Amino acid sequence: MAAPYRRPQRNPVSRTTSYEQPGVCRRRAVSRLLKVHDRRGEGAVDPVTKSFGEFPAWWEANKARFGNKKIAMFCTGGIRCEKSTNFLIGEGVEDVFHLKGGILKYLEEVPAEESRWEGECFVFDGRVSVGHGLEEGTYDLCHACRRPISDEDKTQPAYEEGVCCPRCVDEYDEDDRVRFRERQKQIKLAKARGKIHIGTP
């Protein structure tokens, strides 16, 4: 029987990698595209991990793919890259850097006409997504699963406001939907009274 994987304890600032400033990283900072299915552009590799705790195991299974290649990492705000690049340095990777300030800083500082970014970036606040200049994007939030949804998603039969979207329609049962519909009802009643319901996302 194999021993269980133990997550390494690392200080994210004990050993840090090189930073790339947004303004000089236009060609190497390949950007995440926010679409119905999360995609990566320009040859970027998505580890498809839900948390940093899953990254070490993913690296162990995939590190042979990278050999002696330079590794550039990017994330929304730069925090996760501090941890992941530190981990890679600890694993003996020498040529690794990440985008200082993350994708958000890139969108803030690099003019749209000079940018290699396409689409919108998901953010963890009421804006849901942002584009160049950090202007609020076009996406909304499914209040059931908390995933971003587009105007096109809202036209699908699987969409019900506050209850489900095309990506989570099969993830909840009818008891869940009854609760979600009641919450949505109370949110609308509160809005009509000019108040904010406590359950408003």
Protein backbone atom coordinates (compact mmCIF):
# COMPACT_ATOMS: atom_id res chain seq x y z
CA MET A 1 0.00 0.00 0.00
CA ALA A 2 1.35 3.40 -0.95
CA ALA A 3 1.88 5.97 1.77
CA PRO A 4 -0.63 8.82 1.69
CA TYR A 5 0.54 12.00 -0.01
CA ARG A 6 1.56 14.63 2.52
CA ARG A 7 1.25 18.24 1.55
CA PRO A 8 4.60 20.00 1.90
CA GLN A 9 4.84 22.84 4.41
CA ARG A 10 6.36 25.80 2.61
CA ASN A 11 6.76 29.45 3.44
CA PRO A 12 5.64 31.36 0.33
CA VAL A 13 8.16 34.14 0.96
CA SER A 14 11.11 32.06 2.09
CA ARG A 15 12.34 31.58 -1.47
CA THR A 16 10.76 33.57 -4.23
CA THR A 17 11.18 33.48 -7.95
CA SER A 18 11.73 36.27 -10.45
CA TYR A 19 8.89 38.64 -11.16
CA GLU A 20 7.79 39.82 -14.57
CA GLN A 21 6.23 43.27 -14.63
CA PRO A 22 2.96 43.47 -16.60
CA GLY A 23 4.30 46.08 -19.00
CA VAL A 24 7.22 43.91 -20.13
CA CYS A 25 5.42 40.60 -20.04
CA ARG A 26 3.09 41.05 -22.99
CA ARG A 27 4.42 38.11 -24.97
CA ARG A 28 5.07 35.68 -22.14
CA ALA A 29 2.07 36.33 -19.90
CA VAL A 30 -0.46 34.19 -21.72
CA SER A 31 -3.93 34.92 -20.44
CA ARG A 32 -6.82 32.87 -19.19
CA LEU A 33 -9.96 33.06 -21.27
CA LEU A 34 -13.25 33.11 -19.44
CA LYS A 35 -15.70 31.20 -21.63
CA VAL A 36 -18.43 28.66 -21.09
CA HIS A 37 -15.66 26.12 -20.70
CA ASP A 38 -12.53 27.55 -19.12
CA ARG A 39 -9.85 27.60 -21.79
CA ARG A 40 -6.18 28.54 -21.91
CA GLY A 41 -4.61 30.34 -24.82
CA GLU A 42 -1.31 30.33 -26.64
CA GLY A 43 -0.12 26.95 -25.40
CA ALA A 44 -0.62 27.60 -21.69
CA VAL A 45 -1.05 24.54 -19.46
CA ASP A 46 -3.99 24.42 -17.05
CA PRO A 47 -3.36 22.00 -14.14
CA VAL A 48 -7.12 21.89 -13.44
CA THR A 49 -6.59 21.97 -9.68
CA LYS A 50 -9.21 23.21 -7.24
CA SER A 51 -6.68 24.38 -4.64
CA PHE A 52 -2.95 24.76 -4.14
CA GLY A 53 -3.01 21.59 -2.04
CA GLU A 54 -3.57 19.60 -5.26
CA PHE A 55 -0.70 21.24 -7.15
CA PRO A 56 2.25 19.23 -5.72
CA ALA A 57 0.67 15.93 -6.75
CA TRP A 58 -0.12 17.35 -10.21
CA TRP A 59 3.48 18.50 -10.60
CA GLU A 60 4.84 15.09 -9.61
CA ALA A 61 2.68 13.45 -12.27
CA ASN A 62 3.47 16.01 -15.01
CA LYS A 63 6.94 17.42 -14.39
CA ALA A 64 8.53 15.31 -17.14
CA ARG A 65 6.54 17.32 -19.70
CA PHE A 66 8.51 20.45 -18.88
CA GLY A 67 12.11 19.21 -18.86
CA ASN A 68 14.45 22.23 -18.79
CA LYS A 69 11.91 24.66 -20.22
CA LYS A 70 11.34 28.08 -18.73
CA ILE A 71 8.16 28.17 -16.69
CA ALA A 72 5.99 31.27 -16.51
CA MET A 73 3.07 31.22 -14.10
CA PHE A 74 0.11 33.53 -13.72
CA CYS A 75 -3.07 33.68 -11.65
CA THR A 76 -5.77 36.23 -10.92
CA GLY A 77 -3.96 38.37 -8.35
CA GLY A 78 -0.53 36.78 -7.97
CA ILE A 79 -1.02 35.19 -4.53
CA ARG A 80 -1.24 31.56 -5.66
CA CYS A 81 1.76 32.06 -7.93
CA GLU A 82 3.86 33.12 -4.94
CA LYS A 83 3.15 29.73 -3.41
CA SER A 84 3.41 27.62 -6.54
CA THR A 85 6.65 29.14 -7.82
CA ASN A 86 8.18 28.77 -4.38
CA PHE A 87 7.18 25.13 -4.46
CA LEU A 88 8.80 24.63 -7.88
CA ILE A 89 12.04 26.24 -6.68
CA GLY A 90 12.01 23.79 -3.80
CA GLU A 91 11.61 20.99 -6.34
CA GLY A 92 14.77 22.10 -8.14
CA VAL A 93 13.22 24.10 -10.99
CA GLU A 94 15.67 26.91 -11.72
CA ASP A 95 14.08 29.02 -14.44
CA VAL A 96 10.62 29.97 -13.17
CA PHE A 97 8.95 33.35 -12.91
CA HIS A 98 5.49 34.75 -12.50
CA LEU A 99 3.48 37.82 -13.39
CA LYS A 100 3.74 40.36 -10.57
CA GLY A 101 0.29 41.42 -9.45
CA GLY A 102 -1.33 38.69 -11.51
CA ILE A 103 -3.75 39.00 -14.40
CA LEU A 104 -5.56 41.90 -12.74
CA LYS A 105 -2.44 44.06 -12.69
CA TYR A 106 -1.77 43.10 -16.31
CA LEU A 107 -5.26 44.20 -17.33
CA GLU A 108 -4.90 47.40 -15.33
CA GLU A 109 -1.55 48.47 -16.79
CA VAL A 110 -1.28 47.07 -20.32
CA PRO A 111 -3.29 48.99 -22.95
CA ALA A 112 -5.84 46.88 -24.80
CA GLU A 113 -4.17 47.54 -28.15
CA GLU A 114 -0.87 46.12 -26.85
CA SER A 115 -2.32 43.26 -24.83
CA ARG A 116 -2.35 39.55 -25.61
CA TRP A 117 -5.36 39.07 -23.38
CA GLU A 118 -8.62 37.77 -24.80
CA GLY A 119 -11.94 37.59 -23.02
CA GLU A 120 -12.68 38.48 -19.40
CA CYS A 121 -11.15 37.53 -16.06
CA PHE A 122 -13.29 36.09 -13.27
CA VAL A 123 -13.06 38.04 -10.01
CA PHE A 124 -14.33 37.18 -6.56
CA ASP A 125 -16.60 40.16 -6.01
CA GLY A 126 -19.84 41.64 -7.30
CA ARG A 127 -18.33 42.54 -10.68
CA VAL A 128 -18.01 38.81 -11.54
CA SER A 129 -15.61 39.54 -14.43
CA VAL A 130 -13.40 42.36 -15.66
CA GLY A 131 -11.64 43.28 -18.87
CA HIS A 132 -8.95 45.78 -19.85
CA GLY A 133 -8.69 48.74 -17.54
CA LEU A 134 -10.49 46.57 -14.97
CA GLU A 135 -13.79 47.61 -16.49
CA GLU A 136 -16.71 45.48 -15.32
CA GLY A 137 -17.37 42.62 -17.71
CA THR A 138 -20.50 41.10 -19.18
CA TYR A 139 -20.80 38.01 -17.00
CA ASP A 140 -23.27 37.41 -14.20
CA LEU A 141 -23.16 34.83 -11.42
CA CYS A 142 -25.26 31.70 -11.00
CA HIS A 143 -26.47 32.08 -7.42
CA ALA A 144 -26.76 28.31 -7.04
CA CYS A 145 -23.25 27.15 -7.98
CA ARG A 146 -21.40 30.52 -7.96
CA ARG A 147 -20.04 29.99 -11.48
CA PRO A 148 -19.95 32.80 -14.05
CA ILE A 149 -22.73 32.78 -16.63
CA SER A 150 -23.08 34.65 -19.89
CA ASP A 151 -26.15 36.21 -21.50
CA GLU A 152 -26.21 33.19 -23.80
CA ASP A 153 -26.29 30.84 -20.79
CA LYS A 154 -29.41 32.66 -19.59
CA THR A 155 -31.25 31.77 -22.79
CA GLN A 156 -30.77 28.03 -22.25
CA PRO A 157 -33.65 25.84 -20.96
CA ALA A 158 -31.41 24.72 -18.08
CA TYR A 159 -31.18 28.25 -16.69
CA GLU A 160 -33.50 29.44 -13.94
CA GLU A 161 -32.56 32.64 -12.16
CA GLY A 162 -31.20 31.96 -8.71
CA VAL A 163 -31.85 28.22 -9.06
CA CYS A 164 -29.61 26.62 -11.70
CA CYS A 165 -27.56 27.18 -14.84
CA PRO A 166 -26.44 24.92 -17.71
CA ARG A 167 -23.37 23.83 -15.73
CA CYS A 168 -25.02 22.98 -12.43
CA VAL A 169 -28.48 21.83 -13.50
CA ASP A 170 -27.58 18.20 -12.71
CA GLU A 171 -25.66 18.95 -9.50
CA TYR A 172 -28.66 19.66 -7.24
CA ASP A 173 -31.83 17.77 -6.43
CA GLU A 174 -35.38 19.08 -6.24
CA ASP A 175 -35.12 19.79 -2.49
CA ASP A 176 -32.20 22.08 -3.22
CA ARG A 177 -34.14 23.83 -5.96
CA VAL A 178 -37.08 24.43 -3.65
CA ARG A 179 -34.73 26.19 -1.22
CA PHE A 180 -33.07 28.16 -4.01
CA ARG A 181 -36.45 29.30 -5.40
CA GLU A 182 -37.56 30.49 -1.97
CA ARG A 183 -34.30 32.40 -1.53
CA GLN A 184 -34.72 34.01 -4.94
CA LYS A 185 -38.30 34.95 -4.09
CA GLN A 186 -37.18 36.65 -0.88
CA ILE A 187 -34.38 38.46 -2.71
CA LYS A 188 -36.89 39.88 -5.23
CA LEU A 189 -39.34 40.89 -2.48
CA ALA A 190 -36.56 42.68 -0.59
CA LYS A 191 -35.43 44.44 -3.77
CA ALA A 192 -38.98 45.63 -4.44
CA ARG A 193 -39.01 47.18 -0.93
CA GLY A 194 -35.67 48.87 -1.60
CA LYS A 195 -33.78 46.62 0.77
CA ILE A 196 -31.00 44.05 0.44
CA HIS A 197 -31.92 40.52 1.41
CA ILE A 198 -29.45 38.80 3.74
CA GLY A 199 -29.15 35.90 1.28
CA THR A 200 -28.22 38.12 -1.67
CA PRO A 201 -24.90 36.83 -3.11
